[in-house]
Amino acid sequence: MNRLIKRHLTLIGTATLTLLLSGCFSADTHQALGTLERDRIALTATASELITDILITEGNPVKTGQLILKLDDRKQQAAVAVALAETERARAYLSEIVNGARIEDIAAARANVRQIEARLVDANKTFQRNKVLLERKLISPAKLDQARADRDALEAETAKAREKLLSLLNGNRPETIEQAEAAMKKALASQFLEQRKLEDLSIYATRDSWLDSLPRHQGERVSAGSTLAVLLADAAPYARIYIPEPHKVAVHVGDHVTVHVDGVKEAIPGKIRWLSMDPAFTPHYALNEKERSRLVYMAEVQLPETASDLPSGVPVQVDLPL
């Protein structure tokens, strides 16, 4: 039952819209009706934050780059600080990798090599003495084995110390430097991204216009993507009109037409800048010859700069090409 009632209401609404449009247009008229409009620019929130400041009230003109309102940026300020610290850390690491070891580190490595070499000389002498004493059977074989193990351990430690010194003298490998450079670029990109997010919390006018509305209030928390301000371009308006179906084929983008504005005595020249390919509505029944004449197609007619002072929303009539 509910579905049947809903269907009847839909049919009634469509029939009503058809009658209204057919009353506005007829097959023998060469005019299209509409209103003056301007480009609307919606400025949206990039994050879910509180509105902390509103600097311009509705209805006032704004210039490109003028600050309109601000969102709470304390959390993003902290994110920028973290990104900046990470950039400094990456820069310091890259500098360390490129510059190589300090003179003090190289000197310490050389001293360590000399110290181990001296111990190796002493361990080798001890091994040779114990070898002679073992031949004379003055010591046990175990003591000779211990002396040999000590000598071999110092030989390995000496080789390790020499390799470390050589590594400090030769510097880092090119692959290591490239990795440090990549880490630095990543940190800079992250810092730029966080800084841009911080800047986006301040809403600026993107073109010379009028501040038409501020849907939100100071102190209100907004969600990301919600509209914070709506601007109306301060350039010349355009006429949004509805062209009757019988005249659709005679109208083209780029055609010059004459616009009549309520309250303005002289006609204004205009140029069609956009024409819809689809009708503004489609009846539920078959489009026979009588019914399809009631279709209308939305179009936009650009007015010259001399019409910049005309207000939006004023009714207009446009003479269509024959």
Protein backbone atom coordinates (compact mmCIF):
# COMPACT_ATOMS: atom_id res chain seq x y z
CA MET A 1 0.00 0.00 0.00
CA ASN A 2 2.84 2.43 0.93
CA ARG A 3 4.60 1.67 -2.36
CA LEU A 4 1.41 2.40 -4.32
CA ILE A 5 0.87 5.72 -2.51
CA LYS A 6 4.52 6.70 -3.13
CA ARG A 7 4.12 5.95 -6.83
CA HIS A 8 0.98 8.08 -7.06
CA LEU A 9 2.75 10.98 -5.35
CA THR A 10 5.64 10.69 -7.81
CA LEU A 11 3.25 10.79 -10.77
CA ILE A 12 1.47 13.84 -9.34
CA GLY A 13 4.79 15.67 -8.78
CA THR A 14 6.02 14.97 -12.30
CA ALA A 15 2.73 16.05 -13.83
CA THR A 16 2.81 19.27 -11.80
CA LEU A 17 6.36 20.10 -12.95
CA THR A 18 5.36 19.43 -16.57
CA LEU A 19 2.37 21.79 -16.32
CA LEU A 20 4.47 24.54 -14.76
CA LEU A 21 7.11 24.39 -17.47
CA SER A 22 4.55 24.18 -20.23
CA GLY A 23 3.00 27.32 -18.79
CA CYS A 24 6.35 29.13 -18.96
CA PHE A 25 7.20 28.05 -22.50
CA SER A 26 5.24 27.40 -25.63
CA ALA A 27 6.26 26.16 -29.02
CA ASP A 28 5.79 29.58 -30.66
CA THR A 29 7.88 31.63 -28.17
CA HIS A 30 11.49 32.53 -28.96
CA GLN A 31 12.53 33.42 -25.43
CA ALA A 32 14.05 31.48 -22.58
CA LEU A 33 13.58 32.43 -18.95
CA GLY A 34 16.09 32.26 -16.12
CA THR A 35 18.00 34.22 -13.49
CA LEU A 36 21.34 35.97 -13.12
CA GLU A 37 23.97 33.88 -11.36
CA ARG A 38 27.64 34.11 -10.46
CA ASP A 39 30.37 31.53 -10.05
CA ARG A 40 30.25 30.09 -6.54
CA ILE A 41 33.49 29.02 -4.85
CA ALA A 42 33.19 26.70 -1.86
CA LEU A 43 36.15 26.68 0.55
CA THR A 44 36.26 23.46 2.56
CA ALA A 45 38.02 22.23 5.70
CA THR A 46 41.08 20.03 5.28
CA ALA A 47 40.95 18.64 8.83
CA SER A 48 38.54 18.08 11.67
CA GLU A 49 39.28 21.05 13.94
CA LEU A 50 37.67 23.93 15.83
CA ILE A 51 37.11 27.32 14.20
CA THR A 52 39.22 29.68 16.31
CA ASP A 53 38.89 32.96 14.40
CA ILE A 54 36.59 34.52 11.80
CA LEU A 55 38.15 37.66 10.38
CA ILE A 56 35.58 38.70 7.74
CA THR A 57 31.81 38.81 8.02
CA GLU A 58 29.31 37.80 5.37
CA GLY A 59 28.53 40.20 2.54
CA ASN A 60 31.96 41.86 2.47
CA PRO A 61 34.32 41.89 -0.53
CA VAL A 62 37.54 39.86 -0.32
CA LYS A 63 40.75 39.92 -2.32
CA THR A 64 42.77 36.96 -3.53
CA GLY A 65 44.91 35.67 -0.66
CA GLN A 66 42.95 37.48 2.06
CA LEU A 67 42.54 35.50 5.29
CA ILE A 68 38.90 34.66 6.03
CA LEU A 69 39.01 32.30 9.01
CA LYS A 70 41.37 30.04 10.94
CA LEU A 71 41.12 26.55 12.38
CA ASP A 72 42.86 25.33 15.53
CA ASP A 73 46.45 24.55 14.47
CA ARG A 74 48.08 23.48 17.75
CA LYS A 75 48.14 19.79 16.88
CA GLN A 76 49.54 20.48 13.42
CA GLN A 77 52.16 22.81 14.88
CA ALA A 78 53.45 19.85 16.89
CA ALA A 79 53.48 17.67 13.76
CA VAL A 80 55.56 20.31 11.97
CA ALA A 81 58.01 20.43 14.88
CA VAL A 82 58.43 16.64 14.74
CA ALA A 83 59.01 16.74 10.99
CA LEU A 84 61.55 19.55 11.41
CA ALA A 85 63.47 17.58 14.05
CA GLU A 86 63.54 14.54 11.78
CA THR A 87 64.92 16.70 8.96
CA GLU A 88 67.69 18.01 11.20
CA ARG A 89 68.58 14.49 12.28
CA ALA A 90 68.76 13.30 8.67
CA ARG A 91 70.87 16.33 7.71
CA ALA A 92 73.34 15.67 10.54
CA TYR A 93 73.61 11.99 9.61
CA LEU A 94 74.23 12.85 5.96
CA SER A 95 76.93 15.33 6.96
CA GLU A 96 78.58 12.68 9.11
CA ILE A 97 78.50 10.15 6.28
CA VAL A 98 79.90 12.58 3.70
CA ASN A 99 82.63 14.07 5.91
CA GLY A 100 83.85 10.69 7.11
CA ALA A 101 85.67 9.99 10.35
CA ARG A 102 87.14 12.75 12.51
CA ILE A 103 90.89 13.19 12.89
CA GLU A 104 90.60 12.22 16.55
CA ASP A 105 88.88 8.92 15.65
CA ILE A 106 91.57 8.08 13.11
CA ALA A 107 94.33 8.89 15.63
CA ALA A 108 92.66 6.70 18.24
CA ALA A 109 92.37 3.83 15.74
CA ARG A 110 96.08 4.12 14.87
CA ALA A 111 97.02 4.06 18.56
CA ASN A 112 94.85 1.00 19.07
CA VAL A 113 96.63 -0.81 16.21
CA ARG A 114 100.06 0.01 17.67
CA GLN A 115 98.99 -1.18 21.11
CA ILE A 116 97.71 -4.51 19.81
CA GLU A 117 100.80 -4.98 17.62
CA ALA A 118 103.02 -4.46 20.70
CA ARG A 119 101.06 -7.05 22.62
CA LEU A 120 101.32 -9.40 19.64
CA VAL A 121 105.12 -9.03 19.64
CA ASP A 122 105.25 -9.90 23.33
CA ALA A 123 102.88 -12.86 22.86
CA ASN A 124 105.00 -14.21 19.99
CA LYS A 125 108.17 -14.00 22.12
CA THR A 126 106.43 -15.82 24.95
CA PHE A 127 105.36 -18.55 22.53
CA GLN A 128 108.94 -18.98 21.24
CA ARG A 129 110.38 -19.20 24.79
CA ASN A 130 107.79 -21.76 25.82
CA LYS A 131 108.57 -23.77 22.72
CA VAL A 132 112.26 -23.99 23.75
CA LEU A 133 111.37 -24.78 27.33
CA LEU A 134 109.07 -27.57 26.19
CA GLU A 135 111.91 -29.09 24.14
CA ARG A 136 113.97 -29.07 27.34
CA LYS A 137 110.99 -30.56 29.16
CA LEU A 138 110.90 -27.68 31.59
CA ILE A 139 107.18 -26.93 31.00
CA SER A 140 104.13 -28.92 30.11
CA PRO A 141 102.63 -29.03 26.57
CA ALA A 142 99.51 -27.35 27.90
CA LYS A 143 101.42 -24.17 28.71
CA LEU A 144 102.79 -24.06 25.16
CA ASP A 145 99.28 -24.47 23.77
CA GLN A 146 98.09 -21.58 25.92
CA ALA A 147 100.87 -19.35 24.62
CA ARG A 148 99.98 -20.29 21.02
CA ALA A 149 96.29 -19.50 21.60
CA ASP A 150 97.16 -16.09 23.07
CA ARG A 151 99.37 -15.29 20.09
CA ASP A 152 96.71 -16.34 17.56
CA ALA A 153 94.02 -14.28 19.32
CA LEU A 154 96.19 -11.18 19.20
CA GLU A 155 96.90 -11.76 15.51
CA ALA A 156 93.15 -11.78 14.81
CA GLU A 157 92.62 -8.70 16.97
CA THR A 158 95.44 -6.92 15.13
CA ALA A 159 93.86 -7.69 11.76
CA LYS A 160 90.52 -6.37 12.99
CA ALA A 161 92.06 -3.14 14.29
CA ARG A 162 93.90 -2.59 10.99
CA GLU A 163 90.67 -3.08 9.00
CA LYS A 164 88.86 -0.58 11.19
CA LEU A 165 91.62 1.98 10.67
CA LEU A 166 91.54 1.38 6.90
CA SER A 167 87.76 1.86 6.87
CA LEU A 168 88.12 5.21 8.64
CA LEU A 169 90.82 6.31 6.19
CA ASN A 170 88.85 5.28 3.07
CA GLY A 171 85.56 6.85 4.16
CA ASN A 172 82.03 5.54 3.54
CA ARG A 173 80.88 3.63 0.47
CA PRO A 174 78.92 5.52 -2.24
CA GLU A 175 75.88 3.33 -1.55
CA THR A 176 75.87 4.42 2.10
CA ILE A 177 76.02 8.07 1.08
CA GLU A 178 73.14 7.56 -1.38
CA GLN A 179 71.03 6.00 1.37
CA ALA A 180 71.71 8.97 3.63
CA GLU A 181 70.78 11.38 0.83
CA ALA A 182 67.53 9.50 0.21
CA ALA A 183 66.67 9.67 3.93
CA MET A 184 67.31 13.41 3.82
CA LYS A 185 64.97 13.89 0.83
CA LYS A 186 62.28 11.86 2.55
CA ALA A 187 62.54 13.98 5.69
CA LEU A 188 62.31 17.20 3.65
CA ALA A 189 59.24 15.93 1.80
CA SER A 190 57.56 15.00 5.07
CA GLN A 191 58.36 18.42 6.51
CA PHE A 192 56.91 20.14 3.42
CA LEU A 193 53.73 18.05 3.66
CA GLU A 194 53.20 18.83 7.35
CA GLN A 195 53.89 22.52 6.74
CA ARG A 196 51.34 22.55 3.92
CA LYS A 197 48.75 20.93 6.20
CA LEU A 198 49.43 23.69 8.72
CA GLU A 199 48.93 26.39 6.10
CA ASP A 200 45.67 24.77 4.95
CA LEU A 201 44.18 25.35 8.41
CA SER A 202 44.01 29.03 7.49
CA ILE A 203 41.28 29.64 4.91
CA TYR A 204 42.16 32.28 2.32
CA ALA A 205 40.13 33.75 -0.54
CA THR A 206 41.16 32.08 -3.79
CA ARG A 207 40.02 34.95 -6.02
CA ASP A 208 38.59 38.45 -5.87
CA SER A 209 34.98 37.92 -4.81
CA TRP A 210 32.24 38.54 -2.26
CA LEU A 211 31.90 36.51 0.91
CA ASP A 212 28.42 35.14 0.37
CA SER A 213 28.04 32.94 3.45
CA LEU A 214 29.80 31.38 6.43
CA PRO A 215 27.86 28.17 7.20
CA ARG A 216 29.82 27.55 10.44
CA HIS A 217 30.37 29.60 13.58
CA GLN A 218 33.43 30.43 15.65
CA GLY A 219 34.08 27.74 18.26
CA GLU A 220 32.31 25.06 16.21
CA ARG A 221 34.15 21.85 15.37
CA VAL A 222 33.98 21.07 11.67
CA SER A 223 34.68 17.82 9.88
CA ALA A 224 37.16 17.44 7.04
CA GLY A 225 35.55 18.29 3.72
CA SER A 226 32.76 20.43 5.18
CA THR A 227 32.14 23.86 3.63
CA LEU A 228 33.55 26.76 5.66
CA ALA A 229 32.94 29.69 3.32
CA VAL A 230 31.13 30.34 0.05
CA LEU A 231 32.40 33.06 -2.29
CA LEU A 232 30.62 34.73 -5.19
CA ALA A 233 32.88 35.88 -7.99
CA ASP A 234 32.82 39.65 -8.42
CA ALA A 235 33.12 39.42 -12.21
CA ALA A 236 30.20 39.84 -14.62
CA PRO A 237 27.29 37.47 -13.91
CA TYR A 238 25.89 34.88 -16.29
CA ALA A 239 22.26 34.06 -17.05
CA ARG A 240 21.14 30.54 -16.24
CA ILE A 241 18.25 29.90 -18.61
CA TYR A 242 16.02 27.02 -19.69
CA ILE A 243 15.65 26.55 -23.46
CA PRO A 244 12.40 24.96 -24.77
CA GLU A 245 12.90 21.70 -26.64
CA PRO A 246 11.65 23.03 -30.04
CA HIS A 247 14.53 25.58 -30.06
CA LYS A 248 17.28 23.22 -28.84
CA VAL A 249 18.62 22.41 -32.32
CA ALA A 250 18.91 26.13 -33.23
CA VAL A 251 21.00 27.04 -30.19
CA HIS A 252 24.75 26.38 -30.00
CA VAL A 253 27.61 27.22 -27.67
CA GLY A 254 29.15 30.48 -28.84
CA ASP A 255 25.90 31.95 -30.19
CA HIS A 256 25.31 35.64 -29.48
CA VAL A 257 21.96 36.39 -27.90
CA THR A 258 20.09 39.35 -26.40
CA VAL A 259 19.40 39.38 -22.66
CA HIS A 260 16.59 41.36 -21.03
CA VAL A 261 17.00 41.95 -17.28
CA ASP A 262 14.12 43.01 -15.10
CA GLY A 263 14.63 46.61 -14.06
CA VAL A 264 17.12 47.40 -16.84
CA LYS A 265 15.68 49.31 -19.79
CA GLU A 266 18.32 48.50 -22.39
CA ALA A 267 18.94 44.97 -23.65
CA ILE A 268 22.33 43.42 -22.86
CA PRO A 269 24.34 41.34 -25.35
CA GLY A 270 25.35 37.89 -24.21
CA LYS A 271 27.10 34.77 -25.42
CA ILE A 272 26.08 31.17 -24.73
CA ARG A 273 29.00 29.53 -22.89
CA TRP A 274 27.42 26.19 -21.98
CA LEU A 275 24.46 24.11 -23.12
CA SER A 276 23.27 20.92 -21.45
CA MET A 277 23.01 17.81 -23.60
CA ASP A 278 20.29 16.36 -21.37
CA PRO A 279 16.89 17.86 -20.52
CA ALA A 280 16.28 19.33 -17.09
CA PHE A 281 13.61 16.67 -16.44
CA THR A 282 12.19 13.61 -18.16
CA PRO A 283 8.50 12.57 -17.76
CA HIS A 284 7.79 8.98 -16.79
CA TYR A 285 5.60 8.44 -19.84
CA ALA A 286 6.55 8.16 -23.52
CA LEU A 287 7.77 11.39 -25.14
CA ASN A 288 5.22 11.88 -27.87
CA GLU A 289 5.18 14.99 -30.03
CA LYS A 290 3.04 16.94 -27.58
CA GLU A 291 4.89 15.96 -24.43
CA ARG A 292 8.49 16.30 -25.64
CA SER A 293 7.83 19.95 -26.56
CA ARG A 294 7.61 20.59 -22.83
CA LEU A 295 11.19 19.54 -22.22
CA VAL A 296 13.69 22.27 -21.35
CA TYR A 297 17.50 22.32 -21.56
CA MET A 298 19.62 24.28 -19.14
CA ALA A 299 22.11 26.76 -20.63
CA GLU A 300 24.42 29.53 -19.42
CA VAL A 301 24.79 32.93 -21.14
CA GLN A 302 27.84 35.01 -20.24
CA LEU A 303 27.21 38.74 -19.86
CA PRO A 304 29.83 41.43 -20.64
CA GLU A 305 31.97 43.15 -17.99
CA THR A 306 29.75 46.20 -18.23
CA ALA A 307 27.08 44.17 -16.42
CA SER A 308 29.26 43.54 -13.35
CA ASP A 309 27.06 45.70 -11.13
CA LEU A 310 23.93 43.65 -11.73
CA PRO A 311 22.87 41.62 -8.67
CA SER A 312 22.51 37.85 -8.68
CA GLY A 313 19.08 36.23 -8.62
CA VAL A 314 17.34 38.80 -10.86
CA PRO A 315 14.96 37.24 -13.45
CA VAL A 316 16.01 37.49 -17.10
CA GLN A 317 14.63 36.73 -20.55
CA VAL A 318 16.89 35.71 -23.43
CA ASP A 319 15.92 36.06 -27.10
CA LEU A 320 16.76 32.79 -28.83
CA PRO A 321 17.99 32.42 -32.43
CA LEU A 322 15.22 31.75 -34.94
